[in-house]
Amino acid sequence: MRNMANNLKYADAMKELEQIVSKLQNPNCDVDELCSLTAKAIELLNFCKAKLTKVDEDLVKLLENIE
């Protein structure tokens, strides 16, 4: 995930997650892809969660400075 964090933007991760969800919802989804798609989705979810947590922490610090 470290390599992903250096190259990926939040919006791109969300777009890729949406594409994966669409594939998983397709009744013609290849059973052999289920595991790899799910693993990639989890990796992207963890990336997004970490990104949101970091932004939240940064915003809290910034807001503390104006009080």
C-alpha atoms as a PDB file:
ATOM      1  CA  MET A   1       0.000   0.000   0.000  1.00  0.00           C
ATOM      2  CA  ARG A   2       2.949   2.372   0.496  1.00  0.00           C
ATOM      3  CA  ASN A   3       3.585   2.491  -3.249  1.00  0.00           C
ATOM      4  CA  MET A   4      -0.102   3.162  -3.825  1.00  0.00           C
ATOM      5  CA  ALA A   5      -0.050   6.096  -1.397  1.00  0.00           C
ATOM      6  CA  ASN A   6       2.704   7.787  -3.378  1.00  0.00           C
ATOM      7  CA  ASN A   7       0.996   7.584  -6.743  1.00  0.00           C
ATOM      8  CA  LEU A   8      -2.751   7.528  -6.146  1.00  0.00           C
ATOM      9  CA  LYS A   9      -5.184  10.352  -5.515  1.00  0.00           C
ATOM     10  CA  TYR A  10      -8.305   9.883  -3.415  1.00  0.00           C
ATOM     11  CA  ALA A  11     -10.642  10.624  -6.342  1.00  0.00           C
ATOM     12  CA  ASP A  12      -8.880   8.044  -8.511  1.00  0.00           C
ATOM     13  CA  ALA A  13      -9.123   5.428  -5.755  1.00  0.00           C
ATOM     14  CA  MET A  14     -12.845   6.088  -5.407  1.00  0.00           C
ATOM     15  CA  LYS A  15     -13.335   5.819  -9.167  1.00  0.00           C
ATOM     16  CA  GLU A  16     -11.516   2.491  -9.221  1.00  0.00           C
ATOM     17  CA  LEU A  17     -13.586   1.261  -6.271  1.00  0.00           C
ATOM     18  CA  GLU A  18     -16.767   2.168  -8.140  1.00  0.00           C
ATOM     19  CA  GLN A  19     -15.550   0.198 -11.150  1.00  0.00           C
ATOM     20  CA  ILE A  20     -14.801  -2.832  -8.974  1.00  0.00           C
ATOM     21  CA  VAL A  21     -18.221  -2.661  -7.309  1.00  0.00           C
ATOM     22  CA  SER A  22     -19.836  -2.473 -10.738  1.00  0.00           C
ATOM     23  CA  LYS A  23     -17.933  -5.589 -11.851  1.00  0.00           C
ATOM     24  CA  LEU A  24     -18.878  -7.442  -8.663  1.00  0.00           C
ATOM     25  CA  GLN A  25     -22.548  -6.553  -9.100  1.00  0.00           C
ATOM     26  CA  ASN A  26     -22.568  -7.841 -12.657  1.00  0.00           C
ATOM     27  CA  PRO A  27     -24.191 -11.296 -12.750  1.00  0.00           C
ATOM     28  CA  ASN A  28     -21.623 -12.271 -15.390  1.00  0.00           C
ATOM     29  CA  CYS A  29     -18.677 -11.513 -13.084  1.00  0.00           C
ATOM     30  CA  ASP A  30     -16.001 -14.149 -13.470  1.00  0.00           C
ATOM     31  CA  VAL A  31     -15.818 -16.285 -10.337  1.00  0.00           C
ATOM     32  CA  ASP A  32     -12.056 -16.510 -10.761  1.00  0.00           C
ATOM     33  CA  GLU A  33     -11.822 -12.706 -10.414  1.00  0.00           C
ATOM     34  CA  LEU A  34     -13.823 -12.451  -7.198  1.00  0.00           C
ATOM     35  CA  CYS A  35     -10.854 -12.893  -4.886  1.00  0.00           C
ATOM     36  CA  SER A  36      -8.535 -10.497  -6.718  1.00  0.00           C
ATOM     37  CA  LEU A  37     -11.264  -7.867  -7.123  1.00  0.00           C
ATOM     38  CA  THR A  38     -12.155  -8.106  -3.451  1.00  0.00           C
ATOM     39  CA  ALA A  39      -8.496  -7.869  -2.412  1.00  0.00           C
ATOM     40  CA  LYS A  40      -7.990  -4.794  -4.590  1.00  0.00           C
ATOM     41  CA  ALA A  41     -11.164  -3.211  -3.181  1.00  0.00           C
ATOM     42  CA  ILE A  42      -9.930  -3.766   0.376  1.00  0.00           C
ATOM     43  CA  GLU A  43      -6.571  -2.228  -0.495  1.00  0.00           C
ATOM     44  CA  LEU A  44      -8.315   0.818  -1.986  1.00  0.00           C
ATOM     45  CA  LEU A  45     -10.664   1.116   0.996  1.00  0.00           C
ATOM     46  CA  ASN A  46      -7.708   1.098   3.377  1.00  0.00           C
ATOM     47  CA  PHE A  47      -6.000   3.768   1.281  1.00  0.00           C
ATOM     48  CA  CYS A  48      -9.116   5.963   1.307  1.00  0.00           C
ATOM     49  CA  LYS A  49      -9.625   5.502   5.027  1.00  0.00           C
ATOM     50  CA  ALA A  50      -6.011   6.472   5.753  1.00  0.00           C
ATOM     51  CA  LYS A  51      -6.278   9.490   3.467  1.00  0.00           C
ATOM     52  CA  LEU A  52      -9.492  10.698   5.135  1.00  0.00           C
ATOM     53  CA  THR A  53      -8.045  10.150   8.612  1.00  0.00           C
ATOM     54  CA  LYS A  54      -4.950  12.193   7.697  1.00  0.00           C
ATOM     55  CA  VAL A  55      -7.039  15.032   6.269  1.00  0.00           C
ATOM     56  CA  ASP A  56      -9.251  15.024   9.363  1.00  0.00           C
ATOM     57  CA  GLU A  57      -6.213  15.199  11.668  1.00  0.00           C
ATOM     58  CA  ASP A  58      -4.708  18.026   9.614  1.00  0.00           C
ATOM     59  CA  LEU A  59      -7.959  19.984   9.690  1.00  0.00           C
ATOM     60  CA  VAL A  60      -8.298  19.568  13.449  1.00  0.00           C
ATOM     61  CA  LYS A  61      -4.757  20.940  13.899  1.00  0.00           C
ATOM     62  CA  LEU A  62      -5.491  23.882  11.627  1.00  0.00           C
ATOM     63  CA  LEU A  63      -8.724  24.701  13.412  1.00  0.00           C
ATOM     64  CA  GLU A  64      -7.028  24.510  16.802  1.00  0.00           C
ATOM     65  CA  ASN A  65      -4.742  27.319  15.675  1.00  0.00           C
ATOM     66  CA  ILE A  66      -7.601  29.751  15.065  1.00  0.00           C
ATOM     67  CA  GLU A  67      -9.285  29.298  18.426  1.00  0.00           C
END
